[in-house]
PDB file of N, CA and C in Angstrom:
ATOM      1  N   UNK A   1       0.840  -1.188   0.000  1.00  0.00           N
ATOM      2  CA  UNK A   1       0.000   0.000   0.000  1.00  0.00           C
ATOM      3  C   UNK A   1       0.881   1.246   0.000  1.00  0.00           C
ATOM      4  N   UNK A   2       0.638   2.156  -0.903  1.00  0.00           N
ATOM      5  CA  UNK A   2       1.436   3.376  -1.008  1.00  0.00           C
ATOM      6  C   UNK A   2       1.077   4.357   0.109  1.00  0.00           C
ATOM      7  N   UNK A   3       2.086   5.022   0.616  1.00  0.00           N
ATOM      8  CA  UNK A   3       1.894   6.007   1.676  1.00  0.00           C
ATOM      9  C   UNK A   3       1.438   7.326   1.055  1.00  0.00           C
ATOM     10  N   UNK A   4       0.446   7.953   1.668  1.00  0.00           N
ATOM     11  CA  UNK A   4      -0.053   9.240   1.207  1.00  0.00           C
ATOM     12  C   UNK A   4       0.921  10.319   1.693  1.00  0.00           C
ATOM     13  N   UNK A   5       1.957  10.565   0.915  1.00  0.00           N
ATOM     14  CA  UNK A   5       3.002  11.503   1.351  1.00  0.00           C
ATOM     15  C   UNK A   5       2.475  12.930   1.493  1.00  0.00           C
ATOM     16  N   UNK A   6       1.483  13.306   0.717  1.00  0.00           N
ATOM     17  CA  UNK A   6       0.937  14.670   0.840  1.00  0.00           C
ATOM     18  C   UNK A   6       0.321  14.882   2.223  1.00  0.00           C
ATOM     19  N   UNK A   7      -0.375  13.870   2.714  1.00  0.00           N
ATOM     20  CA  UNK A   7      -0.972  13.927   4.057  1.00  0.00           C
ATOM     21  C   UNK A   7       0.122  14.121   5.119  1.00  0.00           C
ATOM     22  N   UNK A   8       1.183  13.331   5.017  1.00  0.00           N
ATOM     23  CA  UNK A   8       2.253  13.423   6.010  1.00  0.00           C
ATOM     24  C   UNK A   8       3.082  14.692   5.838  1.00  0.00           C
ATOM     25  N   UNK A   9       3.202  15.176   4.620  1.00  0.00           N
ATOM     26  CA  UNK A   9       3.900  16.443   4.385  1.00  0.00           C
ATOM     27  C   UNK A   9       3.168  17.569   5.110  1.00  0.00           C
ATOM     28  N   UNK A  10       1.833  17.570   5.027  1.00  0.00           N
ATOM     29  CA  UNK A  10       1.043  18.592   5.719  1.00  0.00           C
ATOM     30  C   UNK A  10       1.235  18.496   7.235  1.00  0.00           C
ATOM     31  N   UNK A  11       1.222  17.268   7.759  1.00  0.00           N
ATOM     32  CA  UNK A  11       1.428  17.080   9.198  1.00  0.00           C
ATOM     33  C   UNK A  11       2.815  17.579   9.625  1.00  0.00           C
ATOM     34  N   UNK A  12       3.827  17.246   8.834  1.00  0.00           N
ATOM     35  CA  UNK A  12       5.191  17.675   9.132  1.00  0.00           C
ATOM     36  C   UNK A  12       5.330  19.194   9.042  1.00  0.00           C
ATOM     37  N   UNK A  13       4.717  19.799   8.041  1.00  0.00           N
ATOM     38  CA  UNK A  13       4.779  21.263   7.879  1.00  0.00           C
ATOM     39  C   UNK A  13       4.118  21.967   9.069  1.00  0.00           C
ATOM     40  N   UNK A  14       2.976  21.455   9.519  1.00  0.00           N
ATOM     41  CA  UNK A  14       2.294  22.046  10.679  1.00  0.00           C
ATOM     42  C   UNK A  14       3.160  21.953  11.928  1.00  0.00           C
ATOM     43  N   UNK A  15       3.757  20.787  12.142  1.00  0.00           N
ATOM     44  CA  UNK A  15       4.606  20.630  13.319  1.00  0.00           C
ATOM     45  C   UNK A  15       5.858  21.497  13.208  1.00  0.00           C
ATOM     46  N   UNK A  16       6.395  21.632  12.017  1.00  0.00           N
ATOM     47  CA  UNK A  16       7.580  22.481  11.799  1.00  0.00           C
ATOM     48  C   UNK A  16       7.270  23.923  12.190  1.00  0.00           C
ATOM     49  N   UNK A  17       6.108  24.435  11.759  1.00  0.00           N
ATOM     50  CA  UNK A  17       5.722  25.809  12.110  1.00  0.00           C
ATOM     51  C   UNK A  17       5.552  25.973  13.612  1.00  0.00           C
ATOM     52  N   UNK A  18       4.929  24.989  14.248  1.00  0.00           N
ATOM     53  CA  UNK A  18       4.737  25.048  15.700  1.00  0.00           C
ATOM     54  C   UNK A  18       6.084  25.032  16.423  1.00  0.00           C
ATOM     55  N   UNK A  19       6.998  24.182  15.957  1.00  0.00           N
ATOM     56  CA  UNK A  19       8.324  24.121  16.574  1.00  0.00           C
ATOM     57  C   UNK A  19       9.095  25.425  16.385  1.00  0.00           C
ATOM     58  N   UNK A  20       8.995  26.014  15.199  1.00  0.00           N
ATOM     59  CA  UNK A  20       9.675  27.290  14.959  1.00  0.00           C
ATOM     60  C   UNK A  20       9.152  28.369  15.903  1.00  0.00           C
ATOM     61  N   UNK A  21       7.838  28.371  16.148  1.00  0.00           N
ATOM     62  CA  UNK A  21       7.246  29.338  17.074  1.00  0.00           C
ATOM     63  C   UNK A  21       7.775  29.133  18.492  1.00  0.00           C
ATOM     64  N   UNK A  22       7.953  27.890  18.886  1.00  0.00           N
ATOM     65  CA  UNK A  22       8.499  27.593  20.218  1.00  0.00           C
ATOM     66  C   UNK A  22       9.994  27.907  20.290  1.00  0.00           C
ATOM     67  N   UNK A  23      10.711  27.595  19.234  1.00  0.00           N
ATOM     68  CA  UNK A  23      12.157  27.846  19.214  1.00  0.00           C
ATOM     69  C   UNK A  23      12.482  29.322  19.386  1.00  0.00           C
ATOM     70  N   UNK A  24      11.726  30.204  18.751  1.00  0.00           N
ATOM     71  CA  UNK A  24      12.033  31.632  18.862  1.00  0.00           C
ATOM     72  C   UNK A  24      11.730  32.184  20.254  1.00  0.00           C
ATOM     73  N   UNK A  25      10.985  31.452  21.057  1.00  0.00           N
ATOM     74  CA  UNK A  25      10.719  31.884  22.431  1.00  0.00           C
ATOM     75  C   UNK A  25      11.932  31.677  23.329  1.00  0.00           C
ATOM     76  N   UNK A  26      12.768  30.692  22.995  1.00  0.00           N
ATOM     77  CA  UNK A  26      13.911  30.367  23.863  1.00  0.00           C
ATOM     78  C   UNK A  26      15.261  30.513  23.163  1.00  0.00           C
ATOM     79  N   UNK A  27      15.231  30.819  21.862  1.00  0.00           N
ATOM     80  CA  UNK A  27      16.494  30.896  21.142  1.00  0.00           C
ATOM     81  C   UNK A  27      16.404  31.750  19.904  1.00  0.00           C
ATOM     82  N   UNK A  28      17.476  31.689  19.136  1.00  0.00           N
ATOM     83  CA  UNK A  28      17.549  32.394  17.856  1.00  0.00           C
ATOM     84  C   UNK A  28      18.414  31.566  16.936  1.00  0.00           C
ATOM     85  N   UNK A  29      18.274  31.809  15.637  1.00  0.00           N
ATOM     86  CA  UNK A  29      19.129  31.108  14.686  1.00  0.00           C
ATOM     87  C   UNK A  29      20.551  31.611  14.861  1.00  0.00           C
ATOM     88  N   UNK A  30      21.475  30.693  14.850  1.00  0.00           N
ATOM     89  CA  UNK A  30      22.883  31.022  14.993  1.00  0.00           C
ATOM     90  C   UNK A  30      23.315  31.805  13.746  1.00  0.00           C
ATOM     91  N   UNK A  31      23.802  33.044  13.910  1.00  0.00           N
ATOM     92  CA  UNK A  31      24.190  33.830  12.738  1.00  0.00           C
ATOM     93  C   UNK A  31      25.334  33.199  11.934  1.00  0.00           C
ATOM     94  N   UNK A  32      26.153  32.391  12.577  1.00  0.00           N
ATOM     95  CA  UNK A  32      27.271  31.731  11.897  1.00  0.00           C
ATOM     96  C   UNK A  32      26.856  30.439  11.210  1.00  0.00           C
ATOM     97  N   UNK A  33      25.703  29.870  11.637  1.00  0.00           N
ATOM     98  CA  UNK A  33      25.215  28.620  11.063  1.00  0.00           C
ATOM     99  C   UNK A  33      23.685  28.648  11.107  1.00  0.00           C
ATOM    100  N   UNK A  34      23.026  29.169  10.065  1.00  0.00           N
ATOM    101  CA  UNK A  34      21.571  29.339  10.087  1.00  0.00           C
ATOM    102  C   UNK A  34      20.759  28.062  10.280  1.00  0.00           C
ATOM    103  N   UNK A  35      21.368  26.886  10.117  1.00  0.00           N
ATOM    104  CA  UNK A  35      20.613  25.655  10.358  1.00  0.00           C
ATOM    105  C   UNK A  35      20.697  25.246  11.828  1.00  0.00           C
ATOM    106  N   UNK A  36      21.397  26.042  12.635  1.00  0.00           N
ATOM    107  CA  UNK A  36      21.572  25.751  14.053  1.00  0.00           C
ATOM    108  C   UNK A  36      20.868  26.828  14.880  1.00  0.00           C
ATOM    109  N   UNK A  37      20.397  26.434  16.047  1.00  0.00           N
ATOM    110  CA  UNK A  37      19.760  27.375  16.967  1.00  0.00           C
ATOM    111  C   UNK A  37      20.625  27.500  18.206  1.00  0.00           C
ATOM    112  N   UNK A  38      20.558  28.648  18.863  1.00  0.00           N
ATOM    113  CA  UNK A  38      21.272  28.845  20.123  1.00  0.00           C
ATOM    114  C   UNK A  38      20.348  29.514  21.123  1.00  0.00           C
ATOM    115  N   UNK A  39      20.526  29.162  22.369  1.00  0.00           N
ATOM    116  CA  UNK A  39      19.695  29.738  23.425  1.00  0.00           C
ATOM    117  C   UNK A  39      20.005  31.221  23.555  1.00  0.00           C
ATOM    118  N   UNK A  40      19.005  31.979  23.966  1.00  0.00           N
ATOM    119  CA  UNK A  40      19.220  33.405  24.184  1.00  0.00           C
ATOM    120  C   UNK A  40      19.313  33.668  25.675  1.00  0.00           C
ATOM    121  N   UNK A  41      20.198  34.578  26.039  1.00  0.00           N
ATOM    122  CA  UNK A  41      20.308  34.930  27.453  1.00  0.00           C
ATOM    123  C   UNK A  41      19.098  35.740  27.900  1.00  0.00           C
ATOM    124  N   UNK A  42      18.964  35.879  29.176  1.00  0.00           N
ATOM    125  CA  UNK A  42      17.877  36.639  29.762  1.00  0.00           C
ATOM    126  C   UNK A  42      17.935  38.085  29.283  1.00  0.00           C
ATOM    127  N   UNK A  43      16.777  38.727  29.229  1.00  0.00           N
ATOM    128  CA  UNK A  43      16.698  40.130  28.810  1.00  0.00           C
ATOM    129  C   UNK A  43      17.007  41.093  29.960  1.00  0.00           C
ATOM    130  N   UNK A  44      17.364  40.565  31.093  1.00  0.00           N
ATOM    131  CA  UNK A  44      17.585  41.410  32.267  1.00  0.00           C
ATOM    132  C   UNK A  44      18.867  42.228  32.130  1.00  0.00           C
ATOM    133  N   UNK A  45      18.841  43.429  32.699  1.00  0.00           N
ATOM    134  CA  UNK A  45      20.039  44.255  32.749  1.00  0.00           C
ATOM    135  C   UNK A  45      20.813  43.838  33.993  1.00  0.00           C
ATOM    136  N   UNK A  46      21.931  43.161  33.792  1.00  0.00           N
ATOM    137  CA  UNK A  46      22.697  42.658  34.930  1.00  0.00           C
ATOM    138  C   UNK A  46      23.926  43.518  35.216  1.00  0.00           C
ATOM    139  N   UNK A  47      24.046  44.656  34.547  1.00  0.00           N
ATOM    140  CA  UNK A  47      25.223  45.493  34.749  1.00  0.00           C
ATOM    141  C   UNK A  47      25.305  46.005  36.184  1.00  0.00           C
ATOM    142  N   UNK A  48      24.172  46.275  36.803  1.00  0.00           N
ATOM    143  CA  UNK A  48      24.142  46.777  38.175  1.00  0.00           C
ATOM    144  C   UNK A  48      23.415  45.795  39.104  1.00  0.00           C
ATOM    145  N   UNK A  49      23.270  44.560  38.656  1.00  0.00           N
ATOM    146  CA  UNK A  49      22.437  43.596  39.371  1.00  0.00           C
ATOM    147  C   UNK A  49      23.168  42.971  40.550  1.00  0.00           C
ATOM    148  N   UNK A  50      22.352  42.526  41.503  1.00  0.00           N
ATOM    149  CA  UNK A  50      22.949  41.791  42.618  1.00  0.00           C
ATOM    150  C   UNK A  50      23.180  40.337  42.213  1.00  0.00           C
ATOM    151  N   UNK A  51      23.811  39.589  43.067  1.00  0.00           N
ATOM    152  CA  UNK A  51      24.165  38.195  42.755  1.00  0.00           C
ATOM    153  C   UNK A  51      22.953  37.337  42.425  1.00  0.00           C
ATOM    154  N   UNK A  52      21.837  37.562  43.136  1.00  0.00           N
ATOM    155  CA  UNK A  52      20.636  36.752  42.902  1.00  0.00           C
ATOM    156  C   UNK A  52      20.063  36.988  41.500  1.00  0.00           C
ATOM    157  N   UNK A  53      20.075  38.227  41.041  1.00  0.00           N
ATOM    158  CA  UNK A  53      19.573  38.532  39.700  1.00  0.00           C
ATOM    159  C   UNK A  53      20.449  37.882  38.642  1.00  0.00           C
ATOM    160  N   UNK A  54      21.756  37.955  38.843  1.00  0.00           N
ATOM    161  CA  UNK A  54      22.687  37.320  37.912  1.00  0.00           C
ATOM    162  C   UNK A  54      22.467  35.811  37.904  1.00  0.00           C
ATOM    163  N   UNK A  55      22.322  35.214  39.077  1.00  0.00           N
ATOM    164  CA  UNK A  55      22.093  33.767  39.182  1.00  0.00           C
ATOM    165  C   UNK A  55      20.780  33.370  38.504  1.00  0.00           C
ATOM    166  N   UNK A  56      19.740  34.185  38.688  1.00  0.00           N
ATOM    167  CA  UNK A  56      18.460  33.907  38.033  1.00  0.00           C
ATOM    168  C   UNK A  56      18.618  33.945  36.518  1.00  0.00           C
ATOM    169  N   UNK A  57      19.391  34.895  36.020  1.00  0.00           N
ATOM    170  CA  UNK A  57      19.635  35.007  34.581  1.00  0.00           C
ATOM    171  C   UNK A  57      20.367  33.795  34.044  1.00  0.00           C
ATOM    172  N   UNK A  58      21.345  33.316  34.786  1.00  0.00           N
ATOM    173  CA  UNK A  58      22.092  32.123  34.371  1.00  0.00           C
ATOM    174  C   UNK A  58      21.187  30.906  34.371  1.00  0.00           C
ATOM    175  N   UNK A  59      20.361  30.753  35.399  1.00  0.00           N
ATOM    176  CA  UNK A  59      19.429  29.633  35.482  1.00  0.00           C
ATOM    177  C   UNK A  59      18.442  29.665  34.321  1.00  0.00           C
ATOM    178  N   UNK A  60      17.927  30.851  34.004  1.00  0.00           N
ATOM    179  CA  UNK A  60      16.974  30.982  32.896  1.00  0.00           C
ATOM    180  C   UNK A  60      17.640  30.610  31.574  1.00  0.00           C
ATOM    181  N   UNK A  61      18.872  31.040  31.389  1.00  0.00           N
ATOM    182  CA  UNK A  61      19.602  30.700  30.164  1.00  0.00           C
ATOM    183  C   UNK A  61      19.798  29.181  30.061  1.00  0.00           C
ATOM    184  N   UNK A  62      20.176  28.546  31.164  1.00  0.00           N
ATOM    185  CA  UNK A  62      20.380  27.091  31.159  1.00  0.00           C
ATOM    186  C   UNK A  62      19.076  26.356  30.858  1.00  0.00           C
ATOM    187  N   UNK A  63      17.973  26.832  31.412  1.00  0.00           N
ATOM    188  CA  UNK A  63      16.674  26.225  31.132  1.00  0.00           C
ATOM    189  C   UNK A  63      16.313  26.401  29.660  1.00  0.00           C
ATOM    190  N   UNK A  64      16.522  27.602  29.122  1.00  0.00           N
ATOM    191  CA  UNK A  64      16.259  27.853  27.706  1.00  0.00           C
ATOM    192  C   UNK A  64      17.106  26.933  26.837  1.00  0.00           C
ATOM    193  N   UNK A  65      18.354  26.728  27.231  1.00  0.00           N
ATOM    194  CA  UNK A  65      19.257  25.873  26.459  1.00  0.00           C
ATOM    195  C   UNK A  65      18.760  24.421  26.452  1.00  0.00           C
ATOM    196  N   UNK A  66      18.305  23.934  27.603  1.00  0.00           N
ATOM    197  CA  UNK A  66      17.788  22.562  27.678  1.00  0.00           C
ATOM    198  C   UNK A  66      16.536  22.402  26.822  1.00  0.00           C
ATOM    199  N   UNK A  67      15.615  23.370  26.911  1.00  0.00           N
ATOM    200  CA  UNK A  67      14.397  23.336  26.108  1.00  0.00           C
ATOM    201  C   UNK A  67      14.750  23.406  24.624  1.00  0.00           C
ATOM    202  N   UNK A  68      15.660  24.305  24.289  1.00  0.00           N
ATOM    203  CA  UNK A  68      16.069  24.485  22.897  1.00  0.00           C
ATOM    204  C   UNK A  68      16.665  23.206  22.327  1.00  0.00           C
ATOM    205  N   UNK A  69      17.480  22.521  23.090  1.00  0.00           N
ATOM    206  CA  UNK A  69      18.097  21.277  22.601  1.00  0.00           C
ATOM    207  C   UNK A  69      17.042  20.235  22.258  1.00  0.00           C
ATOM    208  N   UNK A  70      16.023  20.104  23.096  1.00  0.00           N
ATOM    209  CA  UNK A  70      14.941  19.157  22.843  1.00  0.00           C
ATOM    210  C   UNK A  70      14.147  19.555  21.599  1.00  0.00           C
ATOM    211  N   UNK A  71      13.775  20.838  21.516  1.00  0.00           N
ATOM    212  CA  UNK A  71      13.012  21.323  20.367  1.00  0.00           C
ATOM    213  C   UNK A  71      13.821  21.209  19.076  1.00  0.00           C
ATOM    214  N   UNK A  72      15.101  21.543  19.152  1.00  0.00           N
ATOM    215  CA  UNK A  72      15.938  21.509  17.956  1.00  0.00           C
ATOM    216  C   UNK A  72      16.105  20.086  17.431  1.00  0.00           C
ATOM    217  N   UNK A  73      16.207  19.124  18.325  1.00  0.00           N
ATOM    218  CA  UNK A  73      16.318  17.728  17.915  1.00  0.00           C
ATOM    219  C   UNK A  73      15.069  17.303  17.142  1.00  0.00           C
ATOM    220  N   UNK A  74      13.904  17.651  17.666  1.00  0.00           N
ATOM    221  CA  UNK A  74      12.655  17.316  16.984  1.00  0.00           C
ATOM    222  C   UNK A  74      12.552  18.074  15.656  1.00  0.00           C
ATOM    223  N   UNK A  75      12.963  19.335  15.664  1.00  0.00           N
ATOM    224  CA  UNK A  75      12.937  20.164  14.452  1.00  0.00           C
ATOM    225  C   UNK A  75      13.778  19.528  13.343  1.00  0.00           C
ATOM    226  N   UNK A  76      14.939  19.021  13.695  1.00  0.00           N
ATOM    227  CA  UNK A  76      15.803  18.365  12.709  1.00  0.00           C
ATOM    228  C   UNK A  76      15.142  17.091  12.171  1.00  0.00           C
ATOM    229  N   UNK A  77      14.465  16.343  13.044  1.00  0.00           N
ATOM    230  CA  UNK A  77      13.740  15.145  12.600  1.00  0.00           C
ATOM    231  C   UNK A  77      12.634  15.510  11.607  1.00  0.00           C
ATOM    232  N   UNK A  78      11.920  16.592  11.896  1.00  0.00           N
ATOM    233  CA  UNK A  78      10.831  17.046  11.018  1.00  0.00           C
ATOM    234  C   UNK A  78      11.402  17.463   9.661  1.00  0.00           C
ATOM    235  N   UNK A  79      12.477  18.221   9.683  1.00  0.00           N
ATOM    236  CA  UNK A  79      13.102  18.653   8.426  1.00  0.00           C
ATOM    237  C   UNK A  79      13.620  17.453   7.636  1.00  0.00           C
ATOM    238  N   UNK A  80      14.134  16.450   8.331  1.00  0.00           N
ATOM    239  CA  UNK A  80      14.601  15.234   7.672  1.00  0.00           C
ATOM    240  C   UNK A  80      13.432  14.518   6.993  1.00  0.00           C
ATOM    241  N   UNK A  81      12.288  14.452   7.677  1.00  0.00           N
ATOM    242  CA  UNK A  81      11.098  13.830   7.092  1.00  0.00           C
ATOM    243  C   UNK A  81      10.648  14.550   5.835  1.00  0.00           C
ATOM    244  N   UNK A  82      10.656  15.884   5.884  1.00  0.00           N
ATOM    245  CA  UNK A  82      10.280  16.668   4.710  1.00  0.00           C
ATOM    246  C   UNK A  82      11.276  16.467   3.573  1.00  0.00           C
ATOM    247  N   UNK A  83      12.547  16.364   3.909  1.00  0.00           N
ATOM    248  CA  UNK A  83      13.579  16.127   2.904  1.00  0.00           C
ATOM    249  C   UNK A  83      13.386  14.755   2.247  1.00  0.00           C
ATOM    250  N   UNK A  84      13.009  13.758   3.048  1.00  0.00           N
ATOM    251  CA  UNK A  84      12.761  12.418   2.501  1.00  0.00           C
ATOM    252  C   UNK A  84      11.568  12.420   1.551  1.00  0.00           C
ATOM    253  N   UNK A  85      10.550  13.201   1.883  1.00  0.00           N
ATOM    254  CA  UNK A  85       9.402  13.314   0.976  1.00  0.00           C
ATOM    255  C   UNK A  85       9.872  13.905  -0.349  1.00  0.00           C
ATOM    256  N   UNK A  86      10.669  14.970  -0.265  1.00  0.00           N
ATOM    257  CA  UNK A  86      11.161  15.627  -1.487  1.00  0.00           C
ATOM    258  C   UNK A  86      12.008  14.684  -2.336  1.00  0.00           C
ATOM    259  N   UNK A  87      12.734  13.780  -1.681  1.00  0.00           N
ATOM    260  CA  UNK A  87      13.608  12.847  -2.397  1.00  0.00           C
ATOM    261  C   UNK A  87      12.893  11.557  -2.801  1.00  0.00           C
ATOM    262  N   UNK A  88      11.635  11.403  -2.369  1.00  0.00           N
ATOM    263  CA  UNK A  88      10.867  10.222  -2.731  1.00  0.00           C
ATOM    264  C   UNK A  88      11.200   8.971  -1.931  1.00  0.00           C
ATOM    265  N   UNK A  89      11.803   9.135  -0.755  1.00  0.00           N
ATOM    266  CA  UNK A  89      12.175   7.970   0.063  1.00  0.00           C
ATOM    267  C   UNK A  89      11.483   7.983   1.431  1.00  0.00           C
ATOM    268  N   UNK A  90      10.448   8.815   1.576  1.00  0.00           N
ATOM    269  CA  UNK A  90       9.737   8.914   2.849  1.00  0.00           C
ATOM    270  C   UNK A  90       9.033   7.600   3.180  1.00  0.00           C
ATOM    271  N   UNK A  91       9.045   7.250   4.466  1.00  0.00           N
ATOM    272  CA  UNK A  91       8.316   6.075   4.930  1.00  0.00           C
ATOM    273  C   UNK A  91       9.082   4.779   4.800  1.00  0.00           C
ATOM    274  N   UNK A  92      10.391   4.874   4.593  1.00  0.00           N
ATOM    275  CA  UNK A  92      11.235   3.684   4.481  1.00  0.00           C
ATOM    276  C   UNK A  92      12.090   3.561   5.738  1.00  0.00           C
ATOM    277  N   UNK A  93      12.069   2.390   6.347  1.00  0.00           N
ATOM    278  CA  UNK A  93      12.855   2.136   7.560  1.00  0.00           C
ATOM    279  C   UNK A  93      14.351   2.259   7.239  1.00  0.00           C
ATOM    280  N   UNK A  94      15.064   3.002   8.076  1.00  0.00           N
ATOM    281  CA  UNK A  94      16.505   3.178   7.874  1.00  0.00           C
ATOM    282  C   UNK A  94      17.291   1.904   8.154  1.00  0.00           C
ATOM    283  N   UNK A  95      16.695   0.974   8.891  1.00  0.00           N
ATOM    284  CA  UNK A  95      17.402  -0.249   9.252  1.00  0.00           C
ATOM    285  C   UNK A  95      17.173  -1.350   8.220  1.00  0.00           C
ATOM    286  N   UNK A  96      15.891  -1.696   8.004  1.00  0.00           N
ATOM    287  CA  UNK A  96      15.582  -2.850   7.143  1.00  0.00           C
ATOM    288  C   UNK A  96      15.118  -2.466   5.738  1.00  0.00           C
ATOM    289  N   UNK A  97      14.926  -1.169   5.510  1.00  0.00           N
ATOM    290  CA  UNK A  97      14.502  -0.645   4.200  1.00  0.00           C
ATOM    291  C   UNK A  97      13.070  -1.031   3.813  1.00  0.00           C
ATOM    292  N   UNK A  98      12.307  -1.602   4.760  1.00  0.00           N
ATOM    293  CA  UNK A  98      10.895  -1.915   4.502  1.00  0.00           C
ATOM    294  C   UNK A  98      10.058  -0.666   4.770  1.00  0.00           C
ATOM    295  N   UNK A  99       8.820  -0.684   4.296  1.00  0.00           N
ATOM    296  CA  UNK A  99       7.916   0.443   4.499  1.00  0.00           C
ATOM    297  C   UNK A  99       7.549   0.570   5.976  1.00  0.00           C
ATOM    298  N   UNK A 100       7.596   1.778   6.491  1.00  0.00           N
ATOM    299  CA  UNK A 100       7.190   2.040   7.879  1.00  0.00           C
ATOM    300  C   UNK A 100       5.663   1.981   7.943  1.00  0.00           C
ATOM    301  N   UNK A 101       5.145   1.350   8.983  1.00  0.00           N
ATOM    302  CA  UNK A 101       3.715   1.177   9.160  1.00  0.00           C
ATOM    303  C   UNK A 101       3.018   2.538   9.200  1.00  0.00           C
ATOM    304  N   UNK A 102       1.870   2.645   8.541  1.00  0.00           N
ATOM    305  CA  UNK A 102       1.146   3.911   8.470  1.00  0.00           C
ATOM    306  C   UNK A 102       0.719   4.399   9.854  1.00  0.00           C
ATOM    307  N   UNK A 103       0.314   3.470  10.740  1.00  0.00           N
ATOM    308  CA  UNK A 103      -0.091   3.892  12.089  1.00  0.00           C
ATOM    309  C   UNK A 103       1.097   4.479  12.855  1.00  0.00           C
ATOM    310  N   UNK A 104       2.293   3.999  12.581  1.00  0.00           N
ATOM    311  CA  UNK A 104       3.500   4.568  13.214  1.00  0.00           C
ATOM    312  C   UNK A 104       3.737   5.982  12.681  1.00  0.00           C
ATOM    313  N   UNK A 105       3.570   6.164  11.383  1.00  0.00           N
ATOM    314  CA  UNK A 105       3.755   7.493  10.803  1.00  0.00           C
ATOM    315  C   UNK A 105       2.670   8.462  11.262  1.00  0.00           C
ATOM    316  N   UNK A 106       1.461   7.963  11.493  1.00  0.00           N
ATOM    317  CA  UNK A 106       0.397   8.827  12.029  1.00  0.00           C
ATOM    318  C   UNK A 106       0.785   9.327  13.418  1.00  0.00           C
ATOM    319  N   UNK A 107       1.343   8.431  14.227  1.00  0.00           N
ATOM    320  CA  UNK A 107       1.750   8.798  15.582  1.00  0.00           C
ATOM    321  C   UNK A 107       2.988   9.680  15.575  1.00  0.00           C
ATOM    322  N   UNK A 108       3.892   9.423  14.637  1.00  0.00           N
ATOM    323  CA  UNK A 108       5.139  10.178  14.539  1.00  0.00           C
ATOM    324  C   UNK A 108       5.534  10.304  13.068  1.00  0.00           C
ATOM    325  N   UNK A 109       5.072  11.364  12.411  1.00  0.00           N
ATOM    326  CA  UNK A 109       5.355  11.511  10.980  1.00  0.00           C
ATOM    327  C   UNK A 109       6.846  11.593  10.649  1.00  0.00           C
ATOM    328  N   UNK A 110       7.678  11.870  11.638  1.00  0.00           N
ATOM    329  CA  UNK A 110       9.128  11.960  11.410  1.00  0.00           C
ATOM    330  C   UNK A 110       9.836  10.656  11.740  1.00  0.00           C
ATOM    331  N   UNK A 111       9.069   9.582  11.940  1.00  0.00           N
ATOM    332  CA  UNK A 111       9.680   8.276  12.287  1.00  0.00           C
ATOM    333  C   UNK A 111      10.711   7.867  11.244  1.00  0.00           C
ATOM    334  N   UNK A 112      11.831   7.354  11.725  1.00  0.00           N
ATOM    335  CA  UNK A 112      12.917   6.923  10.837  1.00  0.00           C
ATOM    336  C   UNK A 112      12.936   5.408  10.645  1.00  0.00           C
ATOM    337  N   UNK A 113      12.233   4.695  11.527  1.00  0.00           N
ATOM    338  CA  UNK A 113      12.266   3.241  11.492  1.00  0.00           C
ATOM    339  C   UNK A 113      10.865   2.664  11.634  1.00  0.00           C
ATOM    340  N   UNK A 114      10.742   1.406  11.231  1.00  0.00           N
ATOM    341  CA  UNK A 114       9.487   0.679  11.427  1.00  0.00           C
ATOM    342  C   UNK A 114       9.360   0.313  12.899  1.00  0.00           C
ATOM    343  N   UNK A 115       8.211  -0.247  13.277  1.00  0.00           N
ATOM    344  CA  UNK A 115       7.979  -0.603  14.684  1.00  0.00           C
ATOM    345  C   UNK A 115       8.992  -1.625  15.187  1.00  0.00           C
ATOM    346  N   UNK A 116       9.371  -2.548  14.334  1.00  0.00           N
ATOM    347  CA  UNK A 116      10.320  -3.572  14.736  1.00  0.00           C
ATOM    348  C   UNK A 116      11.665  -2.989  15.140  1.00  0.00           C
ATOM    349  N   UNK A 117      12.061  -1.879  14.531  1.00  0.00           N
ATOM    350  CA  UNK A 117      13.382  -1.293  14.784  1.00  0.00           C
ATOM    351  C   UNK A 117      13.308   0.029  15.547  1.00  0.00           C
ATOM    352  N   UNK A 118      12.208   0.249  16.254  1.00  0.00           N
ATOM    353  CA  UNK A 118      12.029   1.506  16.997  1.00  0.00           C
ATOM    354  C   UNK A 118      13.141   1.769  18.001  1.00  0.00           C
ATOM    355  N   UNK A 119      13.571   0.749  18.674  1.00  0.00           N
ATOM    356  CA  UNK A 119      14.584   0.930  19.723  1.00  0.00           C
ATOM    357  C   UNK A 119      15.923   0.610  19.168  1.00  0.00           C
TER     358      UNK A 119
END
């Protein structure tokens, strides 16, 4: 059974837009590498700040960095799925080269493997 790539392309595009909206809340595109994201520091003015304000800013930056890493990983998976659609190889397991189950793709349109090779 052929996979409806247009359906999954739409799902991937929607998730990509949602991820981009979340990414800009905690980061920005790296000016030296536009395919990479970097966390943004706090907007607080720490030039005259006490130690607690500086510490809060560092904690916020670290939290943004952790969130950004998770979002960026998913973002790369989504972009990879879209790239596979463009190349005509979407829905093929990277391990066994068999077709990925449609229910798996419904649950995770960026899936790289079939259910047998999930782990």
